[in-house]
Amino acid sequence: MRPLPIALLAGLLAQTASAQIFPVSQPRAPKLTDQWVFSASLFGGLPVGEFKNHEDGGGGLDVMLGFQPWRRQPLVIQGSFGGMQYGALRQRAFQQVCDAGGSCWTEEVTFNARNHSMYFLQGGPEIMATDGTWRPFGFAHAGYTFFSSRANYTASSPMGPVQPSENLFSSNNFATAYGAGLRRVTTRHGRENGFELSFRMTRNAKASYLTEEGVQRNSDGTWTVTPREGAANVLGIHLGFWVGPHVLLTERR
């Protein structure tokens, strides 16, 4: 046997096999989409100060979209949109109901005869903790609040024309908001997420809004509305779900 050619052949085969069996994987590169964050929450709104004298509060939904300018840093620039119904009038009415055979009868129905709502569109910075399971955060926003009051009507029958709701009053005002909360964060597939509890104070220092006390239906079918002027501050208690930035394995502690 010739030991030298055999040794050279064995070394060449081993080198080729090692290159095929143990490839070097490339780490995932950062992406701009990793820095987007999102949250949605349900909240209860409690009137504060002067607003409390006229309304008992209500509930609504808040949605937030944000961007982390620098990876793994606590600053987030975000915008939020939400709304709550702070007042309503429930009434009863009679409606004609028919089945497939043509038989008809009258049923009593309950509906919201009037809705009084508040919407907000705001944005600003948030400072949040970037590590740990429990992460506190705080934010300050500025933007606008929109008040809207509408009258609703029932159809004379399910198959008949539905009368649209009628706008009674609308207004908007400059508003600010600030708040703080706590998130319980986990990581799935690199994207941080978890539940959050927060408190948000929305300040409407100079608002114009309508309550049931300021609504009167005239005999000719028209409306007389008397809106209130003043502060309409609301304390929101939010419970929702947060989707945070995507964190690379090389960035985790």
Protein backbone atom coordinates (compact mmCIF):
# COMPACT_ATOMS: atom_id res chain seq x y z
CA MET A 1 0.00 0.00 0.00
CA ARG A 2 1.00 3.60 -0.52
CA PRO A 3 0.38 5.47 2.76
CA LEU A 4 1.03 9.00 1.45
CA PRO A 5 -1.71 9.12 -1.27
CA ILE A 6 -4.18 7.48 1.10
CA ALA A 7 -3.49 10.06 3.82
CA LEU A 8 -3.86 12.95 1.38
CA LEU A 9 -7.20 11.59 0.11
CA ALA A 10 -8.54 11.08 3.62
CA GLY A 11 -7.61 14.65 4.62
CA LEU A 12 -9.32 16.09 1.54
CA LEU A 13 -12.52 14.14 2.21
CA ALA A 14 -12.57 15.21 5.87
CA GLN A 15 -12.15 18.87 4.96
CA THR A 16 -15.00 18.70 2.43
CA ALA A 17 -17.33 16.92 4.84
CA SER A 18 -16.67 19.40 7.63
CA ALA A 19 -17.48 22.31 5.33
CA GLN A 20 -20.82 20.72 4.41
CA ILE A 21 -21.91 19.52 7.83
CA PHE A 22 -21.04 22.61 9.89
CA PRO A 23 -22.02 25.72 7.93
CA VAL A 24 -21.61 29.10 9.61
CA SER A 25 -25.04 30.80 9.94
CA GLN A 26 -25.29 34.55 9.50
CA PRO A 27 -27.08 36.51 12.28
CA ARG A 28 -30.29 38.34 11.41
CA ALA A 29 -29.65 41.97 10.51
CA PRO A 30 -31.66 44.77 12.21
CA LYS A 31 -34.70 46.09 10.34
CA LEU A 32 -36.50 49.41 10.56
CA THR A 33 -39.79 47.60 11.17
CA ASP A 34 -38.30 46.18 14.39
CA GLN A 35 -38.74 49.59 16.02
CA TRP A 36 -42.50 49.96 15.57
CA VAL A 37 -44.71 49.44 18.65
CA PHE A 38 -48.47 49.11 19.00
CA SER A 39 -51.09 48.84 21.73
CA ALA A 40 -54.85 48.68 22.13
CA SER A 41 -56.80 48.99 25.34
CA LEU A 42 -60.28 49.23 26.78
CA PHE A 43 -60.78 51.90 29.40
CA GLY A 44 -63.23 53.35 31.82
CA GLY A 45 -63.44 57.15 31.90
CA LEU A 46 -64.12 59.00 35.16
CA PRO A 47 -65.08 62.69 34.90
CA VAL A 48 -62.91 64.98 37.04
CA GLY A 49 -63.66 68.42 38.50
CA GLU A 50 -66.39 70.44 36.83
CA PHE A 51 -67.17 67.66 34.35
CA LYS A 52 -68.06 65.38 37.26
CA ASN A 53 -70.95 67.65 38.22
CA HIS A 54 -72.76 66.85 34.96
CA GLU A 55 -71.72 63.33 33.93
CA ASP A 56 -71.06 59.99 35.63
CA GLY A 57 -68.50 58.66 33.15
CA GLY A 58 -68.39 55.94 30.53
CA GLY A 59 -66.11 53.62 28.62
CA GLY A 60 -64.27 53.36 25.34
CA LEU A 61 -61.33 52.14 23.28
CA ASP A 62 -57.83 53.55 22.78
CA VAL A 63 -55.31 52.59 20.02
CA MET A 64 -51.64 53.62 19.99
CA LEU A 65 -48.96 53.43 17.28
CA GLY A 66 -45.36 54.36 18.09
CA PHE A 67 -41.80 54.30 16.80
CA GLN A 68 -38.56 53.79 18.73
CA PRO A 69 -36.04 56.16 17.06
CA TRP A 70 -32.98 54.40 18.54
CA ARG A 71 -32.86 50.65 19.11
CA ARG A 72 -32.97 49.44 22.71
CA GLN A 73 -33.42 52.99 24.03
CA PRO A 74 -36.32 54.10 26.28
CA LEU A 75 -37.70 56.87 24.03
CA VAL A 76 -40.78 56.18 21.85
CA ILE A 77 -42.59 58.74 19.69
CA GLN A 78 -46.25 57.75 19.55
CA GLY A 79 -49.69 58.82 18.48
CA SER A 80 -52.98 57.66 19.95
CA PHE A 81 -56.62 57.73 18.92
CA GLY A 82 -59.56 56.79 21.06
CA GLY A 83 -63.09 57.57 22.09
CA MET A 84 -65.61 57.05 24.85
CA GLN A 85 -69.33 57.44 25.29
CA TYR A 86 -69.90 59.59 28.35
CA GLY A 87 -73.68 59.91 28.19
CA ALA A 88 -76.74 58.32 26.59
CA LEU A 89 -80.52 58.25 26.78
CA ARG A 90 -82.23 54.87 26.59
CA GLN A 91 -85.81 54.86 25.32
CA ARG A 92 -88.48 52.36 24.37
CA ALA A 93 -90.36 52.28 21.08
CA PHE A 94 -92.75 49.98 19.21
CA GLN A 95 -91.59 48.36 15.98
CA GLN A 96 -93.51 46.24 13.47
CA VAL A 97 -92.05 42.76 12.96
CA CYS A 98 -93.02 40.35 10.13
CA ASP A 99 -92.09 36.71 9.55
CA ALA A 100 -91.45 34.89 6.25
CA GLY A 101 -95.13 33.90 5.97
CA GLY A 102 -96.33 37.51 5.94
CA SER A 103 -97.69 37.59 9.48
CA CYS A 104 -96.89 40.86 11.28
CA TRP A 105 -97.05 42.02 14.85
CA THR A 106 -95.72 44.85 17.00
CA GLU A 107 -92.85 44.46 19.46
CA GLU A 108 -91.40 46.84 22.00
CA VAL A 109 -87.70 47.60 21.52
CA THR A 110 -85.13 49.48 23.60
CA PHE A 111 -82.53 51.68 21.90
CA ASN A 112 -80.15 54.58 22.49
CA ALA A 113 -82.22 57.63 21.60
CA ARG A 114 -79.19 59.88 22.05
CA ASN A 115 -75.43 59.38 22.35
CA HIS A 116 -72.91 61.83 23.77
CA SER A 117 -69.32 60.94 22.85
CA MET A 118 -65.80 62.26 23.25
CA TYR A 119 -62.93 61.39 20.86
CA PHE A 120 -59.25 62.31 21.12
CA LEU A 121 -56.35 62.41 18.67
CA GLN A 122 -53.00 63.10 20.35
CA GLY A 123 -49.29 62.40 20.13
CA GLY A 124 -46.06 62.81 22.04
CA PRO A 125 -43.12 61.04 23.71
CA GLU A 126 -43.13 57.98 25.95
CA ILE A 127 -40.31 56.88 28.24
CA MET A 128 -40.33 53.15 28.97
CA ALA A 129 -38.11 50.55 30.62
CA THR A 130 -36.40 48.30 28.06
CA ASP A 131 -35.50 45.28 30.22
CA GLY A 132 -37.16 43.03 32.75
CA THR A 133 -40.51 41.31 33.04
CA TRP A 134 -42.26 44.24 34.79
CA ARG A 135 -41.63 47.52 33.00
CA PRO A 136 -42.96 50.93 34.07
CA PHE A 137 -43.62 53.65 31.50
CA GLY A 138 -44.86 57.23 31.33
CA PHE A 139 -46.00 59.56 28.56
CA ALA A 140 -47.09 63.13 27.76
CA HIS A 141 -49.35 63.97 24.80
CA ALA A 142 -50.90 66.97 23.11
CA GLY A 143 -53.58 67.17 20.43
CA TYR A 144 -57.30 67.66 20.06
CA THR A 145 -60.50 66.39 21.64
CA PHE A 146 -63.74 66.15 19.66
CA PHE A 147 -67.21 66.13 21.24
CA SER A 148 -70.20 64.76 19.34
CA SER A 149 -73.86 64.33 20.27
CA ARG A 150 -76.37 62.56 18.02
CA ALA A 151 -80.05 61.62 18.06
CA ASN A 152 -80.98 58.11 16.88
CA TYR A 153 -84.24 56.82 15.44
CA THR A 154 -85.78 53.37 14.98
CA ALA A 155 -87.20 52.03 11.73
CA SER A 156 -90.97 51.57 11.47
CA SER A 157 -90.32 47.97 10.39
CA PRO A 158 -87.25 45.75 9.88
CA MET A 159 -87.74 45.84 6.08
CA GLY A 160 -88.52 49.56 5.94
CA PRO A 161 -86.09 52.45 5.46
CA VAL A 162 -83.86 53.13 8.46
CA GLN A 163 -83.82 56.78 9.47
CA PRO A 164 -80.24 57.99 9.88
CA SER A 165 -79.05 59.46 13.15
CA GLU A 166 -79.09 63.24 13.37
CA ASN A 167 -76.19 65.39 14.51
CA LEU A 168 -77.21 67.58 17.45
CA PHE A 169 -73.89 69.15 18.38
CA SER A 170 -70.16 68.88 17.66
CA SER A 171 -67.07 70.79 18.79
CA ASN A 172 -63.32 70.42 19.22
CA ASN A 173 -60.68 71.87 21.52
CA PHE A 174 -56.95 71.71 22.21
CA ALA A 175 -56.15 69.06 24.80
CA THR A 176 -53.21 67.58 26.68
CA ALA A 177 -52.80 64.20 28.34
CA TYR A 178 -50.27 62.56 30.60
CA GLY A 179 -50.12 59.22 32.30
CA ALA A 180 -48.14 56.25 33.53
CA GLY A 181 -48.49 52.52 33.74
CA LEU A 182 -46.90 49.11 34.09
CA ARG A 183 -46.36 46.34 31.53
CA ARG A 184 -45.73 42.64 32.03
CA VAL A 185 -43.50 41.78 29.09
CA THR A 186 -42.48 38.49 27.47
CA THR A 187 -40.70 37.79 24.17
CA ARG A 188 -42.10 35.57 21.42
CA HIS A 189 -40.29 35.10 18.12
CA GLY A 190 -38.10 38.09 18.98
CA ARG A 191 -41.02 40.55 19.37
CA GLU A 192 -41.66 41.81 22.90
CA ASN A 193 -45.30 41.91 24.00
CA GLY A 194 -47.51 41.72 27.02
CA PHE A 195 -50.41 43.15 29.00
CA GLU A 196 -50.41 46.67 30.37
CA LEU A 197 -52.31 48.66 32.99
CA SER A 198 -52.17 52.44 32.82
CA PHE A 199 -53.81 55.64 34.04
CA ARG A 200 -54.33 58.57 31.69
CA MET A 201 -55.47 62.09 32.56
CA THR A 202 -56.94 63.96 29.57
CA ARG A 203 -57.25 67.70 30.15
CA ASN A 204 -59.82 69.66 28.17
CA ALA A 205 -59.39 73.03 29.83
CA LYS A 206 -61.68 74.95 27.45
CA ALA A 207 -64.30 72.54 26.13
CA SER A 208 -67.80 72.91 24.74
CA TYR A 209 -69.93 69.78 25.17
CA LEU A 210 -73.54 68.68 25.34
CA THR A 211 -75.30 66.69 28.06
CA GLU A 212 -78.88 65.45 28.40
CA GLU A 213 -79.72 68.51 30.49
CA GLY A 214 -79.05 70.69 27.45
CA VAL A 215 -81.24 68.78 24.94
CA GLN A 216 -84.88 69.64 24.28
CA ARG A 217 -87.18 68.28 21.53
CA ASN A 218 -89.63 70.86 20.20
CA SER A 219 -93.21 70.14 19.10
CA ASP A 220 -92.34 70.71 15.44
CA GLY A 221 -89.62 68.03 15.56
CA THR A 222 -86.66 70.42 15.79
CA TRP A 223 -84.12 70.46 18.60
CA THR A 224 -83.00 73.12 21.01
CA VAL A 225 -79.53 72.41 22.40
CA THR A 226 -77.64 74.30 25.10
CA PRO A 227 -74.01 73.15 25.34
CA ARG A 228 -71.90 73.66 28.41
CA GLU A 229 -68.66 75.63 28.39
CA GLY A 230 -65.73 74.85 30.68
CA ALA A 231 -63.30 72.15 31.70
CA ALA A 232 -64.10 68.54 30.76
CA ASN A 233 -61.24 66.54 32.23
CA VAL A 234 -61.32 62.74 32.26
CA LEU A 235 -59.29 60.15 34.16
CA GLY A 236 -58.99 56.95 32.13
CA ILE A 237 -58.16 53.54 33.61
CA HIS A 238 -56.77 51.46 30.73
CA LEU A 239 -56.25 47.71 30.43
CA GLY A 240 -54.84 46.42 27.15
CA PHE A 241 -52.25 44.52 25.16
CA TRP A 242 -48.89 45.94 24.01
CA VAL A 243 -46.69 44.81 21.11
CA GLY A 244 -43.17 46.16 21.51
CA PRO A 245 -40.00 46.23 19.41
CA HIS A 246 -38.27 43.20 17.90
CA VAL A 247 -35.11 42.47 19.88
CA LEU A 248 -32.26 40.50 18.29
CA LEU A 249 -30.65 37.63 20.19
CA THR A 250 -27.36 39.57 20.26
CA GLU A 251 -29.13 42.49 21.97
CA ARG A 252 -30.70 40.53 24.82
CA ARG A 253 -29.20 40.39 28.26
